[in-house]
Amino acid sequence: EITTTVMIADRAGGTTYQLTQQETLDRVAGMEDTPWVFAGGQMVQPAELAEANWDTVGAVRLVPSLVGGI
């Protein structure tokens, strides 16, 4: 199966994995809040990963969503 580099940011800095498309989707679904997803350097919706061409998607970054305010 095709894998790509998936970087998951966390409080400790982050971890890098080589994951298949389904493993990546499972990681997204398992995160507490919906993360910000960057694929090929562009922000995408998590559902777009299911339709992405894993041959050409490039690196994927999962970043916890940030909430601003007072």
N, C-alpha and C. Protein backbone atom coordinates (compact mmCIF):
# COMPACT_ATOMS: atom_id res chain seq x y z
N GLU A 1 0.84 -1.19 0.00
CA GLU A 1 0.00 0.00 0.00
C GLU A 1 0.88 1.24 0.00
N ILE A 2 0.37 2.29 -0.58
CA ILE A 2 1.10 3.56 -0.67
C ILE A 2 1.02 4.28 0.67
N THR A 3 2.15 4.81 1.11
CA THR A 3 2.19 5.60 2.33
C THR A 3 2.72 6.98 2.01
N THR A 4 2.47 7.91 2.92
CA THR A 4 3.03 9.25 2.81
C THR A 4 3.44 9.71 4.21
N THR A 5 4.22 10.74 4.27
CA THR A 5 4.65 11.29 5.55
C THR A 5 3.50 12.07 6.18
N VAL A 6 3.16 11.72 7.41
CA VAL A 6 2.09 12.39 8.15
C VAL A 6 2.70 12.92 9.44
N MET A 7 2.65 14.24 9.60
CA MET A 7 3.17 14.89 10.80
C MET A 7 2.00 15.32 11.67
N ILE A 8 2.00 14.87 12.91
CA ILE A 8 0.92 15.20 13.83
C ILE A 8 1.49 16.08 14.94
N ALA A 9 1.03 17.33 14.99
CA ALA A 9 1.50 18.27 16.00
C ALA A 9 0.78 18.00 17.32
N ASP A 10 1.53 18.13 18.40
CA ASP A 10 0.94 17.99 19.72
C ASP A 10 1.72 18.86 20.70
N ARG A 11 1.37 18.80 21.96
CA ARG A 11 2.00 19.66 22.97
C ARG A 11 3.50 19.40 23.09
N ALA A 12 3.93 18.20 22.78
CA ALA A 12 5.34 17.85 22.89
C ALA A 12 6.12 18.26 21.64
N GLY A 13 5.45 18.79 20.65
CA GLY A 13 6.09 19.22 19.41
C GLY A 13 5.53 18.51 18.20
N GLY A 14 5.49 17.19 18.26
CA GLY A 14 4.90 16.47 17.15
C GLY A 14 5.61 15.16 16.87
N THR A 15 4.96 14.34 16.07
CA THR A 15 5.47 13.04 15.69
C THR A 15 5.26 12.86 14.20
N THR A 16 6.22 12.19 13.56
CA THR A 16 6.13 11.94 12.13
C THR A 16 5.94 10.44 11.90
N TYR A 17 5.01 10.11 11.02
CA TYR A 17 4.69 8.72 10.69
C TYR A 17 4.72 8.53 9.18
N GLN A 18 4.82 7.29 8.74
CA GLN A 18 4.57 6.91 7.35
C GLN A 18 3.28 6.12 7.38
N LEU A 19 2.18 6.72 6.88
CA LEU A 19 0.86 6.11 7.01
C LEU A 19 0.19 5.94 5.65
N THR A 20 -0.69 4.95 5.60
CA THR A 20 -1.55 4.78 4.43
C THR A 20 -2.68 5.80 4.52
N GLN A 21 -3.45 5.89 3.48
CA GLN A 21 -4.58 6.82 3.46
C GLN A 21 -5.57 6.47 4.57
N GLN A 22 -5.90 5.18 4.72
CA GLN A 22 -6.88 4.78 5.73
C GLN A 22 -6.33 5.01 7.14
N GLU A 23 -5.05 4.74 7.36
CA GLU A 23 -4.46 5.00 8.67
C GLU A 23 -4.52 6.49 9.01
N THR A 24 -4.31 7.33 8.02
CA THR A 24 -4.38 8.78 8.24
C THR A 24 -5.80 9.20 8.58
N LEU A 25 -6.76 8.68 7.84
CA LEU A 25 -8.17 9.00 8.12
C LEU A 25 -8.55 8.54 9.52
N ASP A 26 -8.05 7.39 9.94
CA ASP A 26 -8.33 6.89 11.29
C ASP A 26 -7.73 7.81 12.35
N ARG A 27 -6.54 8.33 12.10
CA ARG A 27 -5.90 9.26 13.04
C ARG A 27 -6.73 10.54 13.16
N VAL A 28 -7.19 11.07 12.03
CA VAL A 28 -8.01 12.28 12.04
C VAL A 28 -9.28 12.03 12.86
N ALA A 29 -9.94 10.91 12.62
CA ALA A 29 -11.18 10.59 13.32
C ALA A 29 -10.95 10.39 14.81
N GLY A 30 -9.76 9.95 15.19
CA GLY A 30 -9.46 9.68 16.59
C GLY A 30 -9.00 10.89 17.39
N MET A 31 -8.80 12.02 16.73
CA MET A 31 -8.36 13.22 17.44
C MET A 31 -9.53 13.84 18.18
N GLU A 32 -9.25 14.45 19.34
CA GLU A 32 -10.31 15.02 20.18
C GLU A 32 -11.18 16.02 19.44
N ASP A 33 -10.57 17.03 18.91
CA ASP A 33 -11.29 18.03 18.13
C ASP A 33 -10.88 17.85 16.67
N THR A 34 -11.71 18.32 15.76
CA THR A 34 -11.35 18.23 14.35
C THR A 34 -10.08 19.04 14.11
N PRO A 35 -9.03 18.39 13.63
CA PRO A 35 -7.77 19.11 13.43
C PRO A 35 -7.79 19.93 12.14
N TRP A 36 -6.87 20.85 12.05
CA TRP A 36 -6.61 21.51 10.78
C TRP A 36 -5.76 20.52 9.99
N VAL A 37 -6.10 20.32 8.74
CA VAL A 37 -5.41 19.35 7.90
C VAL A 37 -4.76 20.09 6.74
N PHE A 38 -3.48 19.86 6.55
CA PHE A 38 -2.74 20.43 5.44
C PHE A 38 -2.20 19.28 4.61
N ALA A 39 -2.50 19.27 3.33
CA ALA A 39 -2.01 18.24 2.42
C ALA A 39 -1.38 18.93 1.22
N GLY A 40 -0.17 18.56 0.92
CA GLY A 40 0.52 19.19 -0.20
C GLY A 40 0.70 20.68 0.00
N GLY A 41 0.79 21.11 1.26
CA GLY A 41 1.01 22.52 1.56
C GLY A 41 -0.23 23.38 1.59
N GLN A 42 -1.41 22.79 1.38
CA GLN A 42 -2.65 23.57 1.40
C GLN A 42 -3.61 23.02 2.44
N MET A 43 -4.35 23.93 3.08
CA MET A 43 -5.35 23.50 4.06
C MET A 43 -6.50 22.85 3.31
N VAL A 44 -6.91 21.66 3.79
CA VAL A 44 -8.02 20.93 3.19
C VAL A 44 -8.97 20.48 4.30
N GLN A 45 -10.17 20.13 3.92
CA GLN A 45 -11.11 19.58 4.87
C GLN A 45 -10.74 18.11 5.11
N PRO A 46 -10.93 17.62 6.33
CA PRO A 46 -10.58 16.23 6.60
C PRO A 46 -11.22 15.24 5.61
N ALA A 47 -12.45 15.51 5.19
CA ALA A 47 -13.13 14.60 4.25
C ALA A 47 -12.42 14.55 2.89
N GLU A 48 -11.69 15.61 2.54
CA GLU A 48 -10.99 15.63 1.26
C GLU A 48 -9.85 14.62 1.22
N LEU A 49 -9.34 14.21 2.36
CA LEU A 49 -8.28 13.21 2.39
C LEU A 49 -8.77 11.88 1.83
N ALA A 50 -10.04 11.58 2.04
CA ALA A 50 -10.59 10.31 1.54
C ALA A 50 -10.59 10.27 0.02
N GLU A 51 -10.65 11.43 -0.61
CA GLU A 51 -10.70 11.51 -2.07
C GLU A 51 -9.35 11.85 -2.69
N ALA A 52 -8.35 12.13 -1.85
CA ALA A 52 -7.05 12.55 -2.36
C ALA A 52 -6.32 11.40 -3.04
N ASN A 53 -5.54 11.74 -4.05
CA ASN A 53 -4.69 10.76 -4.72
C ASN A 53 -3.45 10.59 -3.86
N TRP A 54 -3.34 9.47 -3.18
CA TRP A 54 -2.27 9.25 -2.22
C TRP A 54 -0.90 9.16 -2.90
N ASP A 55 -0.90 8.91 -4.21
CA ASP A 55 0.36 8.88 -4.97
C ASP A 55 0.99 10.27 -5.03
N THR A 56 0.17 11.30 -5.02
CA THR A 56 0.67 12.66 -5.24
C THR A 56 0.31 13.65 -4.14
N VAL A 57 -0.28 13.19 -3.05
CA VAL A 57 -0.77 14.10 -2.01
C VAL A 57 0.38 14.85 -1.33
N GLY A 58 1.54 14.27 -1.28
CA GLY A 58 2.66 14.91 -0.57
C GLY A 58 2.49 14.75 0.93
N ALA A 59 3.26 15.48 1.69
CA ALA A 59 3.20 15.40 3.15
C ALA A 59 1.87 15.92 3.67
N VAL A 60 1.40 15.29 4.73
CA VAL A 60 0.16 15.69 5.38
C VAL A 60 0.51 16.13 6.80
N ARG A 61 -0.03 17.27 7.21
CA ARG A 61 0.16 17.77 8.58
C ARG A 61 -1.19 17.86 9.27
N LEU A 62 -1.26 17.35 10.47
CA LEU A 62 -2.47 17.44 11.30
C LEU A 62 -2.13 18.30 12.49
N VAL A 63 -2.84 19.40 12.62
CA VAL A 63 -2.57 20.39 13.66
C VAL A 63 -3.85 20.61 14.46
N PRO A 64 -3.77 20.55 15.79
CA PRO A 64 -4.98 20.84 16.58
C PRO A 64 -5.53 22.21 16.20
N SER A 65 -6.84 22.29 16.07
CA SER A 65 -7.44 23.57 15.70
C SER A 65 -7.23 24.58 16.81
N LEU A 66 -7.02 25.81 16.41
CA LEU A 66 -6.81 26.90 17.36
C LEU A 66 -8.08 27.71 17.47
N VAL A 67 -8.38 28.13 18.67
CA VAL A 67 -9.56 28.94 18.91
C VAL A 67 -9.09 30.25 19.53
N GLY A 68 -9.46 31.35 18.90
CA GLY A 68 -9.06 32.66 19.42
C GLY A 68 -10.20 33.30 20.18
N GLY A 69 -9.89 34.34 20.86
CA GLY A 69 -10.94 35.06 21.57
C GLY A 69 -10.42 35.56 22.90
N ILE A 70 -11.31 36.21 23.59
CA ILE A 70 -10.94 36.79 24.89
C ILE A 70 -11.53 35.96 25.99
